[in-house]
């Protein structure tokens, strides 16, 4: 995706994982230029994140505010040499209750999921989540489609035969039998089975069992009408 037509803006992120395996989830909205659901693998240069993550635990909410950049710069390939982006790290939600922890540099290693919202799309009836992470520390991000909707990130652990490796990073999981509604979302303490969605958009026969450990992030205000 070329940079032309994509102005530099502030694109805030949720930060997940540990320094050896850090992930960023774009704080999206239904308005341009933030109308993209994006999940990236990254590396942070400063120990400030690892120190605070160790102190507050794996389910604590951290957010990142990079210096203004184009949304096109968030679509990176693993073969591309990462460029370190200056950013500020926050404990809590940046722009709301978040307290600044210090400056870091974020190197974007790979884009795992990148999808622009379709303004003509209908609200999806299927409850689907994007899986990322690995080993015994995985994450699910609720797939956002059309208003009214919600952004949710869960800390999960694969169970049974899926330990390890679990689904491939960026896989879309369909949790059949549940409606795509806020009050029917996955919740901490649940054990749920999700079918990997194929390239044709339909669930395959391959299912993965997950233990939902914690709800790291939930946002509904930005995804109303």
C-alpha atoms as a PDB file:
ATOM      1  CA  UNK A   1       0.000   0.000   0.000  1.00  0.00           C
ATOM      2  CA  UNK A   2       1.635   3.301  -1.050  1.00  0.00           C
ATOM      3  CA  UNK A   3       1.789   6.279   1.307  1.00  0.00           C
ATOM      4  CA  UNK A   4       0.072   8.572  -1.216  1.00  0.00           C
ATOM      5  CA  UNK A   5      -3.385   9.549  -0.017  1.00  0.00           C
ATOM      6  CA  UNK A   6      -2.719   8.368   3.526  1.00  0.00           C
ATOM      7  CA  UNK A   7      -1.824  11.386   5.696  1.00  0.00           C
ATOM      8  CA  UNK A   8       0.194  11.025   8.876  1.00  0.00           C
ATOM      9  CA  UNK A   9      -2.044  10.778  11.948  1.00  0.00           C
ATOM     10  CA  UNK A  10      -1.836   9.617  15.563  1.00  0.00           C
ATOM     11  CA  UNK A  11      -2.646   5.894  15.667  1.00  0.00           C
ATOM     12  CA  UNK A  12      -2.875   4.666  19.269  1.00  0.00           C
ATOM     13  CA  UNK A  13      -2.322   0.990  20.080  1.00  0.00           C
ATOM     14  CA  UNK A  14      -2.978  -1.560  22.815  1.00  0.00           C
ATOM     15  CA  UNK A  15       0.303  -3.264  23.827  1.00  0.00           C
ATOM     16  CA  UNK A  16       0.269  -6.972  24.678  1.00  0.00           C
ATOM     17  CA  UNK A  17       2.699  -9.759  25.447  1.00  0.00           C
ATOM     18  CA  UNK A  18       6.281  -9.560  26.648  1.00  0.00           C
ATOM     19  CA  UNK A  19       9.385  -7.969  25.201  1.00  0.00           C
ATOM     20  CA  UNK A  20      10.348 -11.233  23.538  1.00  0.00           C
ATOM     21  CA  UNK A  21       6.938 -11.341  21.822  1.00  0.00           C
ATOM     22  CA  UNK A  22       5.116  -8.001  21.765  1.00  0.00           C
ATOM     23  CA  UNK A  23       1.884  -7.317  19.868  1.00  0.00           C
ATOM     24  CA  UNK A  24       0.104  -4.068  19.012  1.00  0.00           C
ATOM     25  CA  UNK A  25      -3.614  -3.731  18.316  1.00  0.00           C
ATOM     26  CA  UNK A  26      -4.735  -0.506  16.616  1.00  0.00           C
ATOM     27  CA  UNK A  27      -7.388   1.461  18.522  1.00  0.00           C
ATOM     28  CA  UNK A  28      -9.785   1.673  15.629  1.00  0.00           C
ATOM     29  CA  UNK A  29     -12.931   3.724  15.027  1.00  0.00           C
ATOM     30  CA  UNK A  30     -15.537   3.828  12.285  1.00  0.00           C
ATOM     31  CA  UNK A  31     -14.169   7.172  11.049  1.00  0.00           C
ATOM     32  CA  UNK A  32     -11.210   7.752   8.719  1.00  0.00           C
ATOM     33  CA  UNK A  33      -8.278   7.500   9.002  1.00  0.00           C
ATOM     34  CA  UNK A  34      -8.781   5.150  11.972  1.00  0.00           C
ATOM     35  CA  UNK A  35     -11.218   2.831  10.182  1.00  0.00           C
ATOM     36  CA  UNK A  36      -8.809  -0.111  10.106  1.00  0.00           C
ATOM     37  CA  UNK A  37      -8.508  -3.121  12.397  1.00  0.00           C
ATOM     38  CA  UNK A  38      -4.784  -3.853  12.540  1.00  0.00           C
ATOM     39  CA  UNK A  39      -2.721  -6.287  14.615  1.00  0.00           C
ATOM     40  CA  UNK A  40       1.063  -6.235  14.458  1.00  0.00           C
ATOM     41  CA  UNK A  41       4.021  -8.042  15.962  1.00  0.00           C
ATOM     42  CA  UNK A  42       6.598  -5.586  17.281  1.00  0.00           C
ATOM     43  CA  UNK A  43       9.644  -5.080  19.484  1.00  0.00           C
ATOM     44  CA  UNK A  44      10.167  -2.287  22.026  1.00  0.00           C
ATOM     45  CA  UNK A  45      13.619  -0.844  22.625  1.00  0.00           C
ATOM     46  CA  UNK A  46      13.224   0.358  26.212  1.00  0.00           C
ATOM     47  CA  UNK A  47      12.971  -1.889  29.312  1.00  0.00           C
ATOM     48  CA  UNK A  48      10.210   0.335  30.724  1.00  0.00           C
ATOM     49  CA  UNK A  49       7.481  -1.842  29.206  1.00  0.00           C
ATOM     50  CA  UNK A  50       8.937  -5.162  30.323  1.00  0.00           C
ATOM     51  CA  UNK A  51       9.491  -3.845  33.860  1.00  0.00           C
ATOM     52  CA  UNK A  52       5.919  -2.601  34.204  1.00  0.00           C
ATOM     53  CA  UNK A  53       4.436  -5.655  32.487  1.00  0.00           C
ATOM     54  CA  UNK A  54       6.236  -7.895  34.973  1.00  0.00           C
ATOM     55  CA  UNK A  55       4.969  -5.744  37.842  1.00  0.00           C
ATOM     56  CA  UNK A  56       1.311  -5.439  36.792  1.00  0.00           C
ATOM     57  CA  UNK A  57       0.844  -8.837  35.113  1.00  0.00           C
ATOM     58  CA  UNK A  58      -0.100 -10.223  31.723  1.00  0.00           C
ATOM     59  CA  UNK A  59      -3.705  -8.961  31.770  1.00  0.00           C
ATOM     60  CA  UNK A  60      -2.957  -5.305  32.632  1.00  0.00           C
ATOM     61  CA  UNK A  61      -3.811  -2.691  29.998  1.00  0.00           C
ATOM     62  CA  UNK A  62      -0.935  -0.810  28.375  1.00  0.00           C
ATOM     63  CA  UNK A  63      -1.277   1.502  25.393  1.00  0.00           C
ATOM     64  CA  UNK A  64       1.154   3.152  23.016  1.00  0.00           C
ATOM     65  CA  UNK A  65       1.024   6.494  21.195  1.00  0.00           C
ATOM     66  CA  UNK A  66       3.537   6.570  18.319  1.00  0.00           C
ATOM     67  CA  UNK A  67       4.482   9.803  16.645  1.00  0.00           C
ATOM     68  CA  UNK A  68       2.152  10.565  13.695  1.00  0.00           C
ATOM     69  CA  UNK A  69       2.455   8.056  10.863  1.00  0.00           C
ATOM     70  CA  UNK A  70       0.521   6.905   7.823  1.00  0.00           C
ATOM     71  CA  UNK A  71      -1.785   3.912   8.158  1.00  0.00           C
ATOM     72  CA  UNK A  72       0.126   2.509   5.178  1.00  0.00           C
ATOM     73  CA  UNK A  73       3.203   2.250   7.426  1.00  0.00           C
ATOM     74  CA  UNK A  74       1.298  -0.224   9.611  1.00  0.00           C
ATOM     75  CA  UNK A  75       1.218  -2.800   6.832  1.00  0.00           C
ATOM     76  CA  UNK A  76       4.668  -4.350   7.085  1.00  0.00           C
ATOM     77  CA  UNK A  77       6.151  -7.640   5.919  1.00  0.00           C
ATOM     78  CA  UNK A  78       8.437  -9.897   7.948  1.00  0.00           C
ATOM     79  CA  UNK A  79      11.169  -9.552   5.307  1.00  0.00           C
ATOM     80  CA  UNK A  80      11.284  -5.746   5.644  1.00  0.00           C
ATOM     81  CA  UNK A  81      13.916  -4.278   7.953  1.00  0.00           C
ATOM     82  CA  UNK A  82      11.905  -2.714  10.806  1.00  0.00           C
ATOM     83  CA  UNK A  83      12.081   1.020  11.400  1.00  0.00           C
ATOM     84  CA  UNK A  84      12.016   2.100  15.043  1.00  0.00           C
ATOM     85  CA  UNK A  85       9.117   4.490  15.670  1.00  0.00           C
ATOM     86  CA  UNK A  86       9.350   6.991  18.551  1.00  0.00           C
ATOM     87  CA  UNK A  87       6.375   6.496  20.885  1.00  0.00           C
ATOM     88  CA  UNK A  88       5.086   7.102  24.404  1.00  0.00           C
ATOM     89  CA  UNK A  89       3.973   4.230  26.621  1.00  0.00           C
ATOM     90  CA  UNK A  90       0.968   4.483  28.955  1.00  0.00           C
ATOM     91  CA  UNK A  91      -0.435   2.354  31.757  1.00  0.00           C
ATOM     92  CA  UNK A  92      -4.165   2.309  31.017  1.00  0.00           C
ATOM     93  CA  UNK A  93      -5.961   3.839  28.041  1.00  0.00           C
ATOM     94  CA  UNK A  94      -4.083   6.667  26.361  1.00  0.00           C
ATOM     95  CA  UNK A  95      -6.217   9.808  26.092  1.00  0.00           C
ATOM     96  CA  UNK A  96      -8.444   8.742  28.972  1.00  0.00           C
ATOM     97  CA  UNK A  97      -7.200   7.345  32.283  1.00  0.00           C
ATOM     98  CA  UNK A  98      -3.739   6.342  31.075  1.00  0.00           C
ATOM     99  CA  UNK A  99      -0.661   7.463  32.969  1.00  0.00           C
ATOM    100  CA  UNK A 100       2.494   8.014  30.919  1.00  0.00           C
ATOM    101  CA  UNK A 101       5.382   5.676  31.747  1.00  0.00           C
ATOM    102  CA  UNK A 102       8.037   6.999  29.403  1.00  0.00           C
ATOM    103  CA  UNK A 103       9.365   6.985  25.864  1.00  0.00           C
ATOM    104  CA  UNK A 104      10.075   3.860  23.827  1.00  0.00           C
ATOM    105  CA  UNK A 105      10.902   2.989  20.245  1.00  0.00           C
ATOM    106  CA  UNK A 106       8.641   0.468  18.552  1.00  0.00           C
ATOM    107  CA  UNK A 107       9.979  -1.647  15.689  1.00  0.00           C
ATOM    108  CA  UNK A 108       7.115  -3.069  13.603  1.00  0.00           C
ATOM    109  CA  UNK A 109       8.113  -6.611  12.622  1.00  0.00           C
ATOM    110  CA  UNK A 110       5.041  -8.010  10.854  1.00  0.00           C
ATOM    111  CA  UNK A 111       1.391  -7.244  10.202  1.00  0.00           C
ATOM    112  CA  UNK A 112      -0.764 -10.184  11.298  1.00  0.00           C
ATOM    113  CA  UNK A 113      -4.165  -8.688  10.441  1.00  0.00           C
ATOM    114  CA  UNK A 114      -5.078  -5.634   8.361  1.00  0.00           C
ATOM    115  CA  UNK A 115      -8.655  -4.869   7.381  1.00  0.00           C
ATOM    116  CA  UNK A 116     -10.371  -1.604   6.512  1.00  0.00           C
ATOM    117  CA  UNK A 117     -14.006  -1.327   7.601  1.00  0.00           C
ATOM    118  CA  UNK A 118     -16.562  -1.378   4.800  1.00  0.00           C
ATOM    119  CA  UNK A 119     -19.079   1.488   5.279  1.00  0.00           C
ATOM    120  CA  UNK A 120     -21.660  -0.538   3.334  1.00  0.00           C
ATOM    121  CA  UNK A 121     -21.203  -3.709   5.372  1.00  0.00           C
ATOM    122  CA  UNK A 122     -24.015  -5.143   7.452  1.00  0.00           C
ATOM    123  CA  UNK A 123     -23.500  -6.087  11.072  1.00  0.00           C
ATOM    124  CA  UNK A 124     -22.119  -9.631  11.135  1.00  0.00           C
ATOM    125  CA  UNK A 125     -24.189 -12.270  12.915  1.00  0.00           C
ATOM    126  CA  UNK A 126     -21.162 -14.566  13.483  1.00  0.00           C
ATOM    127  CA  UNK A 127     -19.114 -14.170  16.651  1.00  0.00           C
ATOM    128  CA  UNK A 128     -15.549 -14.249  15.330  1.00  0.00           C
ATOM    129  CA  UNK A 129     -12.164 -13.464  16.838  1.00  0.00           C
ATOM    130  CA  UNK A 130      -8.638 -12.998  15.461  1.00  0.00           C
ATOM    131  CA  UNK A 131      -6.056 -15.207  17.183  1.00  0.00           C
ATOM    132  CA  UNK A 132      -2.475 -14.052  17.748  1.00  0.00           C
ATOM    133  CA  UNK A 133       0.334 -14.821  20.151  1.00  0.00           C
ATOM    134  CA  UNK A 134       1.817 -18.230  20.742  1.00  0.00           C
ATOM    135  CA  UNK A 135       2.799 -20.890  23.236  1.00  0.00           C
ATOM    136  CA  UNK A 136       0.811 -20.647  26.459  1.00  0.00           C
ATOM    137  CA  UNK A 137       0.136 -16.925  25.980  1.00  0.00           C
ATOM    138  CA  UNK A 138      -2.346 -16.269  23.215  1.00  0.00           C
ATOM    139  CA  UNK A 139      -4.765 -13.439  22.511  1.00  0.00           C
ATOM    140  CA  UNK A 140      -8.137 -13.032  20.817  1.00  0.00           C
ATOM    141  CA  UNK A 141      -9.292  -9.753  19.277  1.00  0.00           C
ATOM    142  CA  UNK A 142     -12.971  -9.495  18.411  1.00  0.00           C
ATOM    143  CA  UNK A 143     -13.410  -8.961  14.683  1.00  0.00           C
ATOM    144  CA  UNK A 144     -15.088  -5.599  14.140  1.00  0.00           C
ATOM    145  CA  UNK A 145     -17.467  -5.265  11.185  1.00  0.00           C
ATOM    146  CA  UNK A 146     -20.214  -2.625  11.372  1.00  0.00           C
ATOM    147  CA  UNK A 147     -22.041  -0.578  14.026  1.00  0.00           C
ATOM    148  CA  UNK A 148     -23.135  -1.256  16.634  1.00  0.00           C
ATOM    149  CA  UNK A 149     -20.055  -3.287  17.496  1.00  0.00           C
ATOM    150  CA  UNK A 150     -17.290  -3.578  20.098  1.00  0.00           C
ATOM    151  CA  UNK A 151     -13.546  -3.899  20.389  1.00  0.00           C
ATOM    152  CA  UNK A 152     -12.421  -6.610  22.815  1.00  0.00           C
ATOM    153  CA  UNK A 153      -9.078  -8.267  23.504  1.00  0.00           C
ATOM    154  CA  UNK A 154      -8.807 -11.448  25.565  1.00  0.00           C
ATOM    155  CA  UNK A 155      -5.868 -13.291  27.084  1.00  0.00           C
ATOM    156  CA  UNK A 156      -6.330 -17.001  26.285  1.00  0.00           C
ATOM    157  CA  UNK A 157      -4.486 -20.302  26.594  1.00  0.00           C
ATOM    158  CA  UNK A 158      -4.838 -23.144  24.099  1.00  0.00           C
ATOM    159  CA  UNK A 159      -6.050 -26.387  25.639  1.00  0.00           C
ATOM    160  CA  UNK A 160      -5.637 -30.094  25.004  1.00  0.00           C
ATOM    161  CA  UNK A 161      -4.054 -31.095  21.725  1.00  0.00           C
ATOM    162  CA  UNK A 162      -3.500 -27.425  20.836  1.00  0.00           C
ATOM    163  CA  UNK A 163      -0.794 -26.951  23.508  1.00  0.00           C
ATOM    164  CA  UNK A 164       1.377 -25.968  21.696  1.00  0.00           C
ATOM    165  CA  UNK A 165       1.120 -24.486  19.048  1.00  0.00           C
ATOM    166  CA  UNK A 166      -2.537 -23.411  18.838  1.00  0.00           C
ATOM    167  CA  UNK A 167      -3.934 -21.680  15.727  1.00  0.00           C
ATOM    168  CA  UNK A 168      -1.556 -19.804  13.411  1.00  0.00           C
ATOM    169  CA  UNK A 169      -1.147 -16.083  14.241  1.00  0.00           C
ATOM    170  CA  UNK A 170      -3.751 -13.992  12.433  1.00  0.00           C
ATOM    171  CA  UNK A 171      -6.208 -16.897  12.086  1.00  0.00           C
ATOM    172  CA  UNK A 172      -9.882 -15.996  12.232  1.00  0.00           C
ATOM    173  CA  UNK A 173     -11.899 -18.216  14.598  1.00  0.00           C
ATOM    174  CA  UNK A 174     -15.658 -18.707  14.411  1.00  0.00           C
ATOM    175  CA  UNK A 175     -17.466 -19.482  17.660  1.00  0.00           C
ATOM    176  CA  UNK A 176     -20.594 -21.089  16.283  1.00  0.00           C
ATOM    177  CA  UNK A 177     -23.789 -21.098  18.302  1.00  0.00           C
ATOM    178  CA  UNK A 178     -23.134 -17.627  19.732  1.00  0.00           C
ATOM    179  CA  UNK A 179     -24.486 -14.355  18.420  1.00  0.00           C
ATOM    180  CA  UNK A 180     -22.236 -11.427  17.618  1.00  0.00           C
ATOM    181  CA  UNK A 181     -23.540  -9.317  20.482  1.00  0.00           C
ATOM    182  CA  UNK A 182     -21.829  -7.623  23.420  1.00  0.00           C
ATOM    183  CA  UNK A 183     -23.682  -9.690  26.003  1.00  0.00           C
ATOM    184  CA  UNK A 184     -22.809 -12.929  24.173  1.00  0.00           C
ATOM    185  CA  UNK A 185     -19.075 -12.205  23.885  1.00  0.00           C
ATOM    186  CA  UNK A 186     -16.439 -14.570  25.259  1.00  0.00           C
ATOM    187  CA  UNK A 187     -15.730 -13.941  28.928  1.00  0.00           C
ATOM    188  CA  UNK A 188     -13.021 -14.848  31.478  1.00  0.00           C
ATOM    189  CA  UNK A 189     -13.367 -18.342  32.927  1.00  0.00           C
ATOM    190  CA  UNK A 190     -14.920 -19.821  29.792  1.00  0.00           C
ATOM    191  CA  UNK A 191     -13.654 -22.739  27.780  1.00  0.00           C
ATOM    192  CA  UNK A 192     -14.656 -22.336  24.158  1.00  0.00           C
ATOM    193  CA  UNK A 193     -14.019 -24.044  20.824  1.00  0.00           C
ATOM    194  CA  UNK A 194     -13.457 -21.956  17.720  1.00  0.00           C
ATOM    195  CA  UNK A 195     -13.345 -23.219  14.138  1.00  0.00           C
ATOM    196  CA  UNK A 196     -10.689 -21.720  11.889  1.00  0.00           C
ATOM    197  CA  UNK A 197     -12.299 -19.748   9.060  1.00  0.00           C
ATOM    198  CA  UNK A 198     -11.042 -20.649   5.598  1.00  0.00           C
ATOM    199  CA  UNK A 199     -10.186 -18.367   2.693  1.00  0.00           C
ATOM    200  CA  UNK A 200     -13.752 -18.771   1.435  1.00  0.00           C
ATOM    201  CA  UNK A 201     -15.091 -17.128   4.612  1.00  0.00           C
ATOM    202  CA  UNK A 202     -16.647 -20.309   6.006  1.00  0.00           C
ATOM    203  CA  UNK A 203     -15.590 -22.266   9.115  1.00  0.00           C
ATOM    204  CA  UNK A 204     -13.431 -25.313   8.465  1.00  0.00           C
ATOM    205  CA  UNK A 205     -13.465 -28.624  10.317  1.00  0.00           C
ATOM    206  CA  UNK A 206     -10.387 -27.676  12.331  1.00  0.00           C
ATOM    207  CA  UNK A 207     -11.322 -26.445  15.805  1.00  0.00           C
ATOM    208  CA  UNK A 208      -9.138 -25.141  18.597  1.00  0.00           C
ATOM    209  CA  UNK A 209     -10.075 -25.215  22.296  1.00  0.00           C
ATOM    210  CA  UNK A 210      -9.228 -22.161  24.346  1.00  0.00           C
ATOM    211  CA  UNK A 211      -9.358 -21.178  28.010  1.00  0.00           C
ATOM    212  CA  UNK A 212     -10.291 -17.502  28.408  1.00  0.00           C
ATOM    213  CA  UNK A 213      -8.027 -16.167  31.157  1.00  0.00           C
ATOM    214  CA  UNK A 214      -8.777 -12.426  31.220  1.00  0.00           C
ATOM    215  CA  UNK A 215     -10.416  -9.561  29.377  1.00  0.00           C
ATOM    216  CA  UNK A 216      -7.585  -7.102  28.719  1.00  0.00           C
ATOM    217  CA  UNK A 217      -9.556  -4.492  26.798  1.00  0.00           C
ATOM    218  CA  UNK A 218     -13.181  -3.663  26.014  1.00  0.00           C
ATOM    219  CA  UNK A 219     -14.480  -0.634  24.121  1.00  0.00           C
ATOM    220  CA  UNK A 220     -18.041   0.085  22.986  1.00  0.00           C
ATOM    221  CA  UNK A 221     -18.201   3.897  22.948  1.00  0.00           C
ATOM    222  CA  UNK A 222     -16.170   4.238  19.736  1.00  0.00           C
ATOM    223  CA  UNK A 223     -18.278   1.660  17.884  1.00  0.00           C
ATOM    224  CA  UNK A 224     -21.849   2.915  18.192  1.00  0.00           C
ATOM    225  CA  UNK A 225     -23.791   4.296  15.281  1.00  0.00           C
END
